[in-house]
N, C-alpha and C. Protein backbone atom coordinates (compact mmCIF):
# COMPACT_ATOMS: atom_id res chain seq x y z
N MET A 1 106.40 -81.45 21.60
CA MET A 1 105.28 -81.46 20.73
C MET A 1 104.88 -80.65 20.08
N SER A 2 104.85 -80.73 18.62
CA SER A 2 104.27 -79.60 18.01
C SER A 2 102.81 -79.65 17.70
N ASP A 3 102.24 -78.30 17.68
CA ASP A 3 100.70 -78.08 17.13
C ASP A 3 100.43 -78.81 15.85
N ILE A 4 99.42 -79.59 15.84
CA ILE A 4 98.93 -79.81 14.76
C ILE A 4 97.89 -79.17 14.07
N ASN A 5 98.05 -78.79 12.79
CA ASN A 5 97.09 -77.96 12.07
C ASN A 5 96.06 -78.89 11.62
N TYR A 6 94.95 -79.15 12.37
CA TYR A 6 93.97 -80.00 11.47
C TYR A 6 93.21 -79.48 10.31
N THR A 7 93.15 -77.87 10.36
CA THR A 7 92.29 -77.33 9.29
C THR A 7 92.93 -77.51 7.89
N THR A 8 94.43 -77.87 8.10
CA THR A 8 94.76 -77.90 6.56
C THR A 8 94.98 -79.61 6.13
N MET A 9 94.36 -80.37 6.77
CA MET A 9 94.29 -81.95 6.72
C MET A 9 93.16 -82.22 5.69
N SER A 10 93.02 -83.18 4.78
CA SER A 10 92.05 -83.43 4.00
C SER A 10 90.88 -84.21 5.07
N ASP A 11 89.92 -84.40 4.57
CA ASP A 11 88.91 -85.13 5.48
C ASP A 11 89.40 -86.71 5.63
N GLU A 12 90.13 -87.18 4.75
CA GLU A 12 90.66 -88.64 4.93
C GLU A 12 91.76 -88.74 5.85
N ALA A 13 92.65 -87.60 5.49
CA ALA A 13 93.73 -87.47 6.66
C ALA A 13 93.22 -87.19 8.09
N LEU A 14 92.32 -86.14 8.27
CA LEU A 14 91.92 -86.13 9.54
C LEU A 14 91.43 -87.28 10.18
N LYS A 15 90.73 -88.10 9.50
CA LYS A 15 90.12 -89.42 9.83
C LYS A 15 91.15 -90.21 10.22
N LYS A 16 92.14 -90.50 9.50
CA LYS A 16 93.08 -91.50 10.02
C LYS A 16 93.84 -91.15 11.14
N TYR A 17 94.12 -89.77 11.00
CA TYR A 17 94.84 -88.96 12.37
C TYR A 17 94.11 -89.45 13.46
N PHE A 18 92.88 -89.11 13.44
CA PHE A 18 92.10 -89.30 14.66
C PHE A 18 91.98 -90.75 15.07
N LEU A 19 91.56 -91.56 14.08
CA LEU A 19 91.85 -93.09 14.57
C LEU A 19 93.12 -93.88 14.90
N ALA A 20 94.22 -92.81 14.50
CA ALA A 20 95.54 -93.25 15.16
C ALA A 20 95.84 -92.51 16.37
N HIS A 21 95.12 -91.77 16.77
CA HIS A 21 95.25 -91.04 17.93
C HIS A 21 94.01 -90.68 18.86
N LYS A 22 93.32 -91.99 19.04
CA LYS A 22 92.00 -91.80 19.82
C LYS A 22 91.96 -90.86 21.17
N ASN A 23 93.37 -91.10 21.99
CA ASN A 23 93.47 -90.50 23.07
C ASN A 23 93.54 -88.87 23.08
N ASN A 24 93.68 -88.50 21.91
CA ASN A 24 94.04 -86.90 21.93
C ASN A 24 92.70 -86.21 21.47
N PRO A 25 92.28 -85.74 22.75
CA PRO A 25 90.92 -84.80 22.59
C PRO A 25 90.91 -83.81 21.58
N SER A 26 92.18 -83.22 21.22
CA SER A 26 92.07 -82.46 20.12
C SER A 26 91.43 -82.90 19.00
N ALA A 27 92.16 -83.99 18.45
CA ALA A 27 91.83 -84.56 17.28
C ALA A 27 90.40 -84.89 17.13
N LEU A 28 89.98 -85.48 18.53
CA LEU A 28 88.47 -85.78 18.40
C LEU A 28 87.49 -84.67 17.86
N HIS A 29 87.94 -83.37 18.85
CA HIS A 29 87.10 -82.41 18.47
C HIS A 29 87.27 -81.61 17.03
N ALA A 30 88.24 -81.77 16.58
CA ALA A 30 88.79 -81.12 14.85
C ALA A 30 87.76 -82.42 14.35
N TYR A 31 87.69 -83.55 14.21
CA TYR A 31 87.12 -84.43 13.45
C TYR A 31 85.59 -84.47 13.58
N LEU A 32 85.08 -84.14 14.73
CA LEU A 32 83.57 -83.92 15.16
C LEU A 32 83.00 -82.56 14.59
N ASP A 33 84.13 -81.76 14.39
CA ASP A 33 83.73 -80.43 14.29
C ASP A 33 83.41 -80.39 12.53
N ARG A 34 84.34 -81.21 11.84
CA ARG A 34 84.48 -81.21 10.57
C ARG A 34 83.16 -81.86 10.17
N LYS A 35 83.06 -83.14 10.96
CA LYS A 35 81.96 -83.99 10.37
C LYS A 35 80.54 -83.14 10.62
N ASN A 36 80.30 -82.36 11.73
CA ASN A 36 79.21 -81.63 11.89
C ASN A 36 79.16 -80.33 10.81
N GLN A 37 80.16 -80.21 10.06
CA GLN A 37 80.02 -79.06 9.22
C GLN A 37 79.29 -79.34 7.95
N GLN A 38 79.58 -80.84 7.77
CA GLN A 38 79.10 -81.03 6.39
C GLN A 38 77.62 -81.52 6.41
N GLN A 39 77.02 -81.08 4.95
CA GLN A 39 75.90 -81.19 5.01
C GLN A 39 75.38 -82.66 4.88
N ARG A 40 74.23 -83.18 5.33
CA ARG A 40 73.76 -84.21 5.03
C ARG A 40 72.70 -84.49 4.01
N LYS A 41 72.45 -85.12 3.11
CA LYS A 41 71.74 -85.46 2.12
C LYS A 41 70.35 -86.21 2.63
N VAL A 42 69.39 -85.66 2.80
CA VAL A 42 68.46 -86.48 2.88
C VAL A 42 67.65 -87.26 1.81
N ILE A 43 67.49 -88.45 2.30
CA ILE A 43 67.38 -89.70 1.08
C ILE A 43 65.93 -89.92 1.35
N THR A 44 65.16 -89.74 2.42
CA THR A 44 63.54 -89.95 2.28
C THR A 44 63.14 -89.61 3.54
N LYS A 45 61.93 -89.75 3.87
CA LYS A 45 61.32 -89.42 4.93
C LYS A 45 60.11 -90.33 5.44
N VAL A 46 60.17 -90.43 6.77
CA VAL A 46 58.97 -91.51 7.46
C VAL A 46 57.81 -91.18 6.67
N GLY A 47 57.07 -92.42 6.42
CA GLY A 47 55.76 -92.23 5.76
C GLY A 47 55.89 -92.20 4.19
N ASP A 48 57.06 -91.99 3.76
CA ASP A 48 57.43 -92.11 2.07
C ASP A 48 56.78 -93.53 1.74
N PRO A 49 55.99 -93.79 0.80
CA PRO A 49 55.86 -95.14 0.39
C PRO A 49 56.86 -96.01 -0.02
N ASP A 50 57.92 -95.38 -0.93
CA ASP A 50 59.11 -95.87 -1.20
C ASP A 50 60.20 -95.69 -0.18
N PHE A 51 59.93 -95.72 1.02
CA PHE A 51 61.06 -95.60 2.05
C PHE A 51 62.10 -96.80 1.70
N ASP A 52 61.36 -97.95 1.79
CA ASP A 52 62.55 -98.97 1.91
C ASP A 52 63.29 -99.10 0.51
N LEU A 53 62.77 -98.79 -0.42
CA LEU A 53 63.48 -98.79 -1.73
C LEU A 53 64.53 -97.67 -1.83
N LYS A 54 64.26 -96.64 -1.26
CA LYS A 54 65.16 -95.36 -1.20
C LYS A 54 66.35 -95.67 -0.49
N ILE A 55 66.01 -96.26 0.58
CA ILE A 55 67.29 -96.66 1.72
C ILE A 55 68.13 -97.74 1.07
N GLU A 56 67.48 -98.76 0.33
CA GLU A 56 68.12 -99.74 -0.09
C GLU A 56 69.08 -99.12 -1.50
N LYS A 57 68.68 -98.41 -2.15
CA LYS A 57 69.32 -97.52 -3.09
C LYS A 57 70.69 -96.95 -2.65
N ALA A 58 70.29 -96.03 -1.56
CA ALA A 58 71.42 -95.23 -1.09
C ALA A 58 72.57 -96.04 -0.51
N ILE A 59 72.20 -97.29 0.22
CA ILE A 59 73.24 -98.21 0.58
C ILE A 59 73.95 -98.72 -0.40
N GLN A 60 73.32 -99.25 -1.57
CA GLN A 60 74.00 -99.64 -2.62
C GLN A 60 74.84 -98.62 -3.37
N ALA A 61 74.26 -97.46 -3.53
CA ALA A 61 75.22 -96.25 -3.86
C ALA A 61 76.58 -96.31 -3.06
N LYS A 62 76.37 -96.23 -2.02
CA LYS A 62 77.61 -96.07 -1.06
C LYS A 62 78.63 -97.09 -1.03
N LEU A 63 78.03 -98.33 -1.22
CA LEU A 63 78.75 -99.56 -1.43
C LEU A 63 79.64 -99.16 -2.75
N GLN A 64 78.93 -99.06 -3.63
CA GLN A 64 79.34 -98.94 -5.04
C GLN A 64 80.80 -97.93 -4.75
N LYS A 65 80.24 -96.79 -4.38
CA LYS A 65 81.32 -95.73 -4.52
C LYS A 65 82.47 -96.15 -3.51
N GLN A 66 82.46 -97.00 -2.56
CA GLN A 66 83.48 -97.43 -1.63
C GLN A 66 84.27 -98.48 -2.40
N LYS A 67 83.57 -99.55 -3.29
CA LYS A 67 84.19 -100.27 -4.03
C LYS A 67 84.91 -99.80 -5.33
N ASN A 68 84.42 -98.46 -5.88
CA ASN A 68 85.15 -97.95 -7.01
C ASN A 68 86.35 -97.24 -6.35
N GLN A 69 86.31 -96.54 -5.25
CA GLN A 69 87.54 -95.95 -4.63
C GLN A 69 88.73 -97.09 -4.09
N GLY A 70 88.13 -98.20 -3.70
CA GLY A 70 89.16 -99.27 -3.35
C GLY A 70 89.83 -99.80 -4.57
N GLU A 71 89.27 -99.51 -6.07
CA GLU A 71 90.06 -99.82 -7.08
C GLU A 71 90.69 -99.16 -7.66
N LYS A 72 90.83 -97.66 -7.10
CA LYS A 72 91.76 -96.81 -7.66
C LYS A 72 93.04 -96.89 -7.41
């Protein structure tokens, strides 16, 4: 069995590979390392008077993005 070079995989390819090989600890570590390196956008903070509105907008934006990617 040849070694897999996870660093050359796109994020989507690595995710698909990991999901197809869930018993492979190397794939799990590569996937989690990649996810932990990505910056996370802060949408809102606890106590923000517009907390619910900002969360709803973020969810809608993500759903729209997924819909648009599915249409390509």
